[in-house]
C-alpha atoms as a PDB file:
ATOM      1  CA  MET A   1      18.424 -57.880   0.994  1.00  0.00           C
ATOM      2  CA  GLU A   2      14.635 -57.898   1.065  1.00  0.00           C
ATOM      3  CA  ARG A   3      14.690 -55.791   4.226  1.00  0.00           C
ATOM      4  CA  SER A   4      17.007 -53.204   2.564  1.00  0.00           C
ATOM      5  CA  LEU A   5      14.678 -52.999  -0.430  1.00  0.00           C
ATOM      6  CA  LYS A   6      11.727 -52.237   1.875  1.00  0.00           C
ATOM      7  CA  TRP A   7      13.658 -49.363   3.516  1.00  0.00           C
ATOM      8  CA  VAL A   8      14.682 -47.933   0.146  1.00  0.00           C
ATOM      9  CA  LEU A   9      11.070 -48.088  -1.035  1.00  0.00           C
ATOM     10  CA  PHE A  10       9.861 -46.509   2.232  1.00  0.00           C
ATOM     11  CA  PHE A  11      12.292 -43.559   2.010  1.00  0.00           C
ATOM     12  CA  THR A  12      11.532 -43.086  -1.689  1.00  0.00           C
ATOM     13  CA  ILE A  13       7.821 -42.719  -0.903  1.00  0.00           C
ATOM     14  CA  ILE A  14       8.514 -40.321   1.993  1.00  0.00           C
ATOM     15  CA  ALA A  15      10.862 -38.220  -0.158  1.00  0.00           C
ATOM     16  CA  GLY A  16       8.213 -38.048  -2.882  1.00  0.00           C
ATOM     17  CA  CYS A  17       5.636 -36.689  -0.423  1.00  0.00           C
ATOM     18  CA  LEU A  18       7.832 -33.909   1.002  1.00  0.00           C
ATOM     19  CA  PRO A  19       7.219 -31.424  -1.852  1.00  0.00           C
ATOM     20  CA  ILE A  20       3.452 -31.840  -1.375  1.00  0.00           C
ATOM     21  CA  VAL A  21       3.703 -31.200   2.374  1.00  0.00           C
ATOM     22  CA  ALA A  22       5.991 -28.191   1.836  1.00  0.00           C
ATOM     23  CA  GLN A  23       3.625 -26.779  -0.792  1.00  0.00           C
ATOM     24  CA  ASN A  24       0.597 -27.035   1.505  1.00  0.00           C
ATOM     25  CA  SER A  25       2.349 -25.616   4.572  1.00  0.00           C
ATOM     26  CA  GLY A  26       3.782 -22.497   2.892  1.00  0.00           C
ATOM     27  CA  PRO A  27       2.548 -18.953   3.454  1.00  0.00           C
ATOM     28  CA  THR A  28      -1.065 -18.346   2.534  1.00  0.00           C
ATOM     29  CA  GLU A  29      -2.043 -15.637   0.112  1.00  0.00           C
ATOM     30  CA  ASP A  30      -3.812 -12.638   1.616  1.00  0.00           C
ATOM     31  CA  ALA A  31      -7.519 -12.333   0.828  1.00  0.00           C
ATOM     32  CA  ASN A  32      -8.331  -9.470  -1.557  1.00  0.00           C
ATOM     33  CA  VAL A  33     -10.706  -6.995   0.106  1.00  0.00           C
ATOM     34  CA  SER A  34     -10.232  -4.031  -2.258  1.00  0.00           C
ATOM     35  CA  GLY A  35     -13.510  -2.367  -3.179  1.00  0.00           C
ATOM     36  CA  TYR A  36     -16.795  -1.456  -1.572  1.00  0.00           C
ATOM     37  CA  TRP A  37     -18.457  -3.432   1.215  1.00  0.00           C
ATOM     38  CA  GLN A  38     -21.724  -3.035   3.126  1.00  0.00           C
ATOM     39  CA  ILE A  39     -20.815  -3.302   6.804  1.00  0.00           C
ATOM     40  CA  SER A  40     -23.066  -3.582   9.828  1.00  0.00           C
ATOM     41  CA  TRP A  41     -22.315  -4.067  13.487  1.00  0.00           C
ATOM     42  CA  GLU A  42     -24.368  -4.913  16.545  1.00  0.00           C
ATOM     43  CA  ALA A  43     -23.716  -2.971  19.706  1.00  0.00           C
ATOM     44  CA  ARG A  44     -25.480  -1.976  22.895  1.00  0.00           C
ATOM     45  CA  ILE A  45     -27.486   0.774  21.165  1.00  0.00           C
ATOM     46  CA  GLY A  46     -28.618  -1.354  18.202  1.00  0.00           C
ATOM     47  CA  ARG A  47     -27.541  -2.027  14.636  1.00  0.00           C
ATOM     48  CA  GLU A  48     -25.301   0.427  12.815  1.00  0.00           C
ATOM     49  CA  GLN A  49     -24.482   0.143   9.126  1.00  0.00           C
ATOM     50  CA  GLY A  50     -22.591   1.888   6.388  1.00  0.00           C
ATOM     51  CA  THR A  51     -20.482   1.512   3.284  1.00  0.00           C
ATOM     52  CA  ILE A  52     -16.799   0.868   3.639  1.00  0.00           C
ATOM     53  CA  GLN A  53     -14.215   1.222   0.880  1.00  0.00           C
ATOM     54  CA  PHE A  54     -10.994  -0.761   1.215  1.00  0.00           C
ATOM     55  CA  GLN A  55      -7.708  -0.163  -0.588  1.00  0.00           C
ATOM     56  CA  GLN A  56      -5.115  -2.899  -0.199  1.00  0.00           C
ATOM     57  CA  ILE A  57      -1.382  -3.071  -0.804  1.00  0.00           C
ATOM     58  CA  ALA A  58       0.043  -6.448   0.212  1.00  0.00           C
ATOM     59  CA  GLY A  59      -0.871  -6.999   3.886  1.00  0.00           C
ATOM     60  CA  LYS A  60      -1.869  -3.369   4.566  1.00  0.00           C
ATOM     61  CA  ILE A  61      -5.380  -1.983   4.158  1.00  0.00           C
ATOM     62  CA  SER A  62      -6.795   1.524   4.363  1.00  0.00           C
ATOM     63  CA  GLY A  63      -9.999   3.230   3.385  1.00  0.00           C
ATOM     64  CA  LYS A  64     -13.041   5.232   4.393  1.00  0.00           C
ATOM     65  CA  LEU A  65     -16.282   4.421   6.151  1.00  0.00           C
ATOM     66  CA  LYS A  66     -19.432   6.255   5.089  1.00  0.00           C
ATOM     67  CA  ASP A  67     -22.191   6.093   7.704  1.00  0.00           C
ATOM     68  CA  ARG A  68     -24.517   8.340   9.701  1.00  0.00           C
ATOM     69  CA  LEU A  69     -21.632   9.404  11.979  1.00  0.00           C
ATOM     70  CA  GLY A  70     -19.459  10.737   9.151  1.00  0.00           C
ATOM     71  CA  ASN A  71     -16.702   9.586   6.817  1.00  0.00           C
ATOM     72  CA  PRO A  72     -13.728   8.566   8.947  1.00  0.00           C
ATOM     73  CA  SER A  73     -10.561   7.165   7.351  1.00  0.00           C
ATOM     74  CA  PHE A  74      -8.996   4.020   8.763  1.00  0.00           C
ATOM     75  CA  SER A  75      -6.086   1.607   8.401  1.00  0.00           C
ATOM     76  CA  GLY A  76      -5.349  -1.991   9.277  1.00  0.00           C
ATOM     77  CA  ASP A  77      -3.827  -5.311   8.273  1.00  0.00           C
ATOM     78  CA  ILE A  78      -4.762  -8.498   6.472  1.00  0.00           C
ATOM     79  CA  HIS A  79      -2.862 -11.762   6.850  1.00  0.00           C
ATOM     80  CA  GLY A  80      -4.306 -14.692   4.931  1.00  0.00           C
ATOM     81  CA  GLN A  81      -8.013 -14.628   5.799  1.00  0.00           C
ATOM     82  CA  ALA A  82      -7.549 -12.675   9.072  1.00  0.00           C
ATOM     83  CA  ILE A  83      -8.423  -8.973   8.915  1.00  0.00           C
ATOM     84  CA  SER A  84      -8.122  -6.195  11.493  1.00  0.00           C
ATOM     85  CA  PHE A  85      -8.699  -2.454  11.235  1.00  0.00           C
ATOM     86  CA  LYS A  86      -9.423   0.510  13.492  1.00  0.00           C
ATOM     87  CA  ILE A  87     -11.884   3.288  12.691  1.00  0.00           C
ATOM     88  CA  PRO A  88     -11.425   6.461  14.765  1.00  0.00           C
ATOM     89  CA  PHE A  89     -14.427   8.747  15.283  1.00  0.00           C
ATOM     90  CA  GLU A  90     -13.268  12.285  16.055  1.00  0.00           C
ATOM     91  CA  GLU A  91     -16.558  13.698  17.372  1.00  0.00           C
ATOM     92  CA  SER A  92     -17.131  15.714  20.535  1.00  0.00           C
ATOM     93  CA  HIS A  93     -16.832  12.356  22.358  1.00  0.00           C
ATOM     94  CA  PRO A  94     -13.993  10.650  20.410  1.00  0.00           C
ATOM     95  CA  PHE A  95     -13.687   6.879  20.331  1.00  0.00           C
ATOM     96  CA  THR A  96     -12.248   4.128  18.107  1.00  0.00           C
ATOM     97  CA  LEU A  97     -13.876   0.936  16.864  1.00  0.00           C
ATOM     98  CA  SER A  98     -11.315  -1.870  16.624  1.00  0.00           C
ATOM     99  CA  PHE A  99     -12.496  -4.629  14.242  1.00  0.00           C
ATOM    100  CA  ALA A 100     -11.013  -8.139  13.938  1.00  0.00           C
ATOM    101  CA  GLY A 101     -12.397 -11.000  11.896  1.00  0.00           C
ATOM    102  CA  LYS A 102     -12.148 -13.398   9.010  1.00  0.00           C
ATOM    103  CA  VAL A 103     -12.655 -12.944   5.261  1.00  0.00           C
ATOM    104  CA  GLU A 104     -14.581 -15.728   3.534  1.00  0.00           C
ATOM    105  CA  GLY A 105     -14.954 -14.925  -0.168  1.00  0.00           C
ATOM    106  CA  ASN A 106     -17.384 -12.004  -0.496  1.00  0.00           C
ATOM    107  CA  LYS A 107     -18.226 -11.957   3.218  1.00  0.00           C
ATOM    108  CA  MET A 108     -16.423 -10.970   6.404  1.00  0.00           C
ATOM    109  CA  SER A 109     -17.401 -11.252  10.034  1.00  0.00           C
ATOM    110  CA  GLY A 110     -15.914 -10.980  13.465  1.00  0.00           C
ATOM    111  CA  LYS A 111     -15.896  -9.085  16.742  1.00  0.00           C
ATOM    112  CA  PHE A 112     -15.074  -5.487  17.605  1.00  0.00           C
ATOM    113  CA  GLU A 113     -14.222  -3.437  20.658  1.00  0.00           C
ATOM    114  CA  ILE A 114     -14.777   0.182  21.570  1.00  0.00           C
ATOM    115  CA  GLN A 115     -11.505   1.867  22.496  1.00  0.00           C
ATOM    116  CA  ASP A 116     -10.265   5.286  23.573  1.00  0.00           C
ATOM    117  CA  MET A 117     -13.073   6.059  26.001  1.00  0.00           C
ATOM    118  CA  THR A 118     -11.905   8.292  28.838  1.00  0.00           C
ATOM    119  CA  ASP A 119     -13.484   5.960  31.402  1.00  0.00           C
ATOM    120  CA  GLY A 120     -15.457   2.716  31.426  1.00  0.00           C
ATOM    121  CA  TYR A 121     -18.703   4.367  30.364  1.00  0.00           C
ATOM    122  CA  ASP A 122     -19.824   6.201  27.251  1.00  0.00           C
ATOM    123  CA  TRP A 123     -21.677   9.533  27.183  1.00  0.00           C
ATOM    124  CA  HIS A 124     -25.001   7.628  27.600  1.00  0.00           C
ATOM    125  CA  GLY A 125     -23.779   6.258  30.934  1.00  0.00           C
ATOM    126  CA  GLU A 126     -23.486   2.727  29.543  1.00  0.00           C
ATOM    127  CA  ASN A 127     -20.549   0.352  29.939  1.00  0.00           C
ATOM    128  CA  ALA A 128     -18.450   0.755  26.784  1.00  0.00           C
ATOM    129  CA  HIS A 129     -15.902  -2.010  27.218  1.00  0.00           C
ATOM    130  CA  PRO A 130     -17.601  -5.375  26.556  1.00  0.00           C
ATOM    131  CA  THR A 131     -15.858  -7.311  23.776  1.00  0.00           C
ATOM    132  CA  ASP A 132     -18.739  -9.463  22.546  1.00  0.00           C
ATOM    133  CA  TYR A 133     -19.904  -7.009  19.872  1.00  0.00           C
ATOM    134  CA  SER A 134     -20.167  -8.556  16.401  1.00  0.00           C
ATOM    135  CA  TRP A 135     -19.906  -7.245  12.843  1.00  0.00           C
ATOM    136  CA  THR A 136     -20.482  -8.510   9.297  1.00  0.00           C
ATOM    137  CA  ALA A 137     -19.679  -7.155   5.837  1.00  0.00           C
ATOM    138  CA  THR A 138     -20.718  -8.176   2.331  1.00  0.00           C
ATOM    139  CA  ARG A 139     -18.889  -7.151  -0.847  1.00  0.00           C
ATOM    140  CA  GLU A 140     -20.924  -4.781  -3.013  1.00  0.00           C
ATOM    141  CA  THR A 141     -21.643  -5.423  -6.642  1.00  0.00           C
ATOM    142  CA  ALA A 142     -19.469  -4.016  -9.433  1.00  0.00           C
ATOM    143  CA  PRO A 143     -19.156  -0.194  -9.642  1.00  0.00           C
ATOM    144  CA  ALA A 144     -21.296  -0.148 -12.816  1.00  0.00           C
ATOM    145  CA  ASP A 145     -24.106  -1.789 -10.853  1.00  0.00           C
ATOM    146  CA  ARG A 146     -23.679   0.798  -8.056  1.00  0.00           C
ATOM    147  CA  ALA A 147     -24.473   3.567 -10.552  1.00  0.00           C
ATOM    148  CA  LYS A 148     -27.654   1.729 -11.637  1.00  0.00           C
ATOM    149  CA  GLN A 149     -28.713   1.401  -7.996  1.00  0.00           C
ATOM    150  CA  ASN A 150     -28.024   5.107  -7.362  1.00  0.00           C
ATOM    151  CA  PRO A 151     -28.705   7.079 -10.566  1.00  0.00           C
ATOM    152  CA  SER A 152     -27.746  10.373  -8.896  1.00  0.00           C
ATOM    153  CA  ALA A 153     -24.184   9.051  -8.592  1.00  0.00           C
ATOM    154  CA  THR A 154     -23.665   9.448 -12.332  1.00  0.00           C
ATOM    155  CA  MET A 155     -25.248  11.938 -14.673  1.00  0.00           C
ATOM    156  CA  GLU A 156     -25.018  12.362 -18.429  1.00  0.00           C
ATOM    157  CA  VAL A 157     -25.095  15.895 -19.767  1.00  0.00           C
ATOM    158  CA  SER A 158     -25.988  16.754 -23.351  1.00  0.00           C
ATOM    159  CA  ILE A 159     -25.100  20.133 -24.757  1.00  0.00           C
ATOM    160  CA  PRO A 160     -27.207  21.014 -27.807  1.00  0.00           C
ATOM    161  CA  SER A 161     -25.267  22.365 -30.739  1.00  0.00           C
ATOM    162  CA  ASN A 162     -26.481  25.559 -32.404  1.00  0.00           C
END
């Protein structure tokens, strides 16, 4: 009888823990990356940087990059904290930057590759296919603060009445 009571107690404890295990092993919520981010990446020709704007619907992301090379649009995915997106540059020497990384609060980081080169070398004669390039991004402050940082972005106009 005592042995049966131990088994009943054991299974009662195990059954009580199952909802906790199931709750912790369920699908994770996707990180929210909507908004403006300052992005920079290290590559063979030095540091590049720009502003990136993400829009997000469920696990899909899209947006625009604003940097010295232009304003290309892009798309990608986010699953939990993992993010990936590709930015095509449609210049005279087209190429695509393929980013993959992890979102941690207001920061992201990871690695990227250069894709869509016609051969193994870029127009500078340098190898364009290493995969050890890194990138980071930091979420920008609220849009109201962006206007304070860049007063030309917003302008008030007063029209005098006669």
